[in-house]
């Protein structure tokens, strides 16, 4: 979607959004701290099978980000 210029709500677990997130202001990035000790500059922590940082992002947070994005786009055009 981002490659086609479409607004995107991007959800990240242990990956580093600075390196792989969609570029531009039309996108919202949701990410929580990694409690397993994973650091973006180090290797992927394979001892974190449950990926609690990804599970910490709630449906409500994603819905709110999408609704905010949709509301801002409707006031532009």
Protein backbone atom coordinates (compact mmCIF):
# COMPACT_ATOMS: atom_id res chain seq x y z
CA UNK A 1 0.00 0.00 0.00
CA UNK A 2 2.78 2.43 0.92
CA UNK A 3 4.57 1.78 -2.38
CA UNK A 4 1.39 2.84 -4.18
CA UNK A 5 1.13 6.01 -2.10
CA UNK A 6 -1.78 4.78 0.01
CA UNK A 7 -1.96 5.73 3.69
CA UNK A 8 -0.86 2.87 5.90
CA UNK A 9 -1.10 1.88 9.55
CA UNK A 10 2.09 -0.15 9.99
CA UNK A 11 2.32 -2.50 12.98
CA UNK A 12 5.76 -3.56 14.19
CA UNK A 13 6.94 -6.11 16.71
CA UNK A 14 10.67 -6.69 17.09
CA UNK A 15 11.69 -5.28 13.70
CA UNK A 16 13.08 -1.76 13.53
CA UNK A 17 10.60 0.66 11.90
CA UNK A 18 13.40 3.17 11.36
CA UNK A 19 14.85 0.73 8.84
CA UNK A 20 11.72 -0.80 7.30
CA UNK A 21 8.69 1.45 7.92
CA UNK A 22 6.82 3.13 5.09
CA UNK A 23 8.26 6.56 4.26
CA UNK A 24 6.17 9.71 4.31
CA UNK A 25 3.65 11.57 6.42
CA UNK A 26 0.63 9.57 5.21
CA UNK A 27 1.63 6.62 7.39
CA UNK A 28 1.24 5.80 11.07
CA UNK A 29 3.71 3.45 12.76
CA UNK A 30 2.65 1.53 15.86
CA UNK A 31 5.38 -0.10 17.94
CA UNK A 32 5.80 -1.02 21.62
CA UNK A 33 9.06 -1.48 23.51
CA UNK A 34 10.52 -4.98 23.36
CA UNK A 35 10.54 -6.31 26.93
CA UNK A 36 12.58 -9.35 25.87
CA UNK A 37 15.70 -7.20 25.55
CA UNK A 38 15.86 -7.18 21.77
CA UNK A 39 17.75 -4.20 20.37
CA UNK A 40 17.25 -3.04 16.75
CA UNK A 41 20.99 -2.71 16.17
CA UNK A 42 21.61 -6.30 17.31
CA UNK A 43 20.40 -9.57 15.83
CA UNK A 44 16.83 -10.81 16.09
CA UNK A 45 16.16 -12.38 19.50
CA UNK A 46 15.10 -15.94 18.72
CA UNK A 47 14.42 -16.54 22.43
CA UNK A 48 11.25 -14.47 22.28
CA UNK A 49 8.67 -16.81 20.70
CA UNK A 50 5.58 -14.96 21.92
CA UNK A 51 6.68 -11.53 20.63
CA UNK A 52 5.01 -9.63 23.51
CA UNK A 53 5.88 -6.27 21.94
CA UNK A 54 3.63 -7.09 18.98
CA UNK A 55 0.87 -8.45 21.20
CA UNK A 56 0.99 -5.27 23.30
CA UNK A 57 -0.46 -3.26 20.42
CA UNK A 58 -4.21 -3.36 20.90
CA UNK A 59 -6.99 -3.54 18.37
CA UNK A 60 -8.21 -0.25 19.81
CA UNK A 61 -4.89 1.44 19.08
CA UNK A 62 -4.93 0.20 15.50
CA UNK A 63 -8.57 1.24 15.03
CA UNK A 64 -7.89 4.68 16.53
CA UNK A 65 -4.91 5.22 14.22
CA UNK A 66 -7.00 4.19 11.22
CA UNK A 67 -9.92 6.39 12.22
CA UNK A 68 -7.62 9.39 12.78
CA UNK A 69 -6.04 8.79 9.40
CA UNK A 70 -9.42 8.53 7.68
CA UNK A 71 -10.74 11.65 9.43
CA UNK A 72 -7.72 13.72 8.41
CA UNK A 73 -8.01 12.60 4.80
CA UNK A 74 -11.72 13.48 4.63
CA UNK A 75 -11.02 17.06 5.75
CA UNK A 76 -8.30 17.51 3.10
CA UNK A 77 -10.40 16.82 0.02
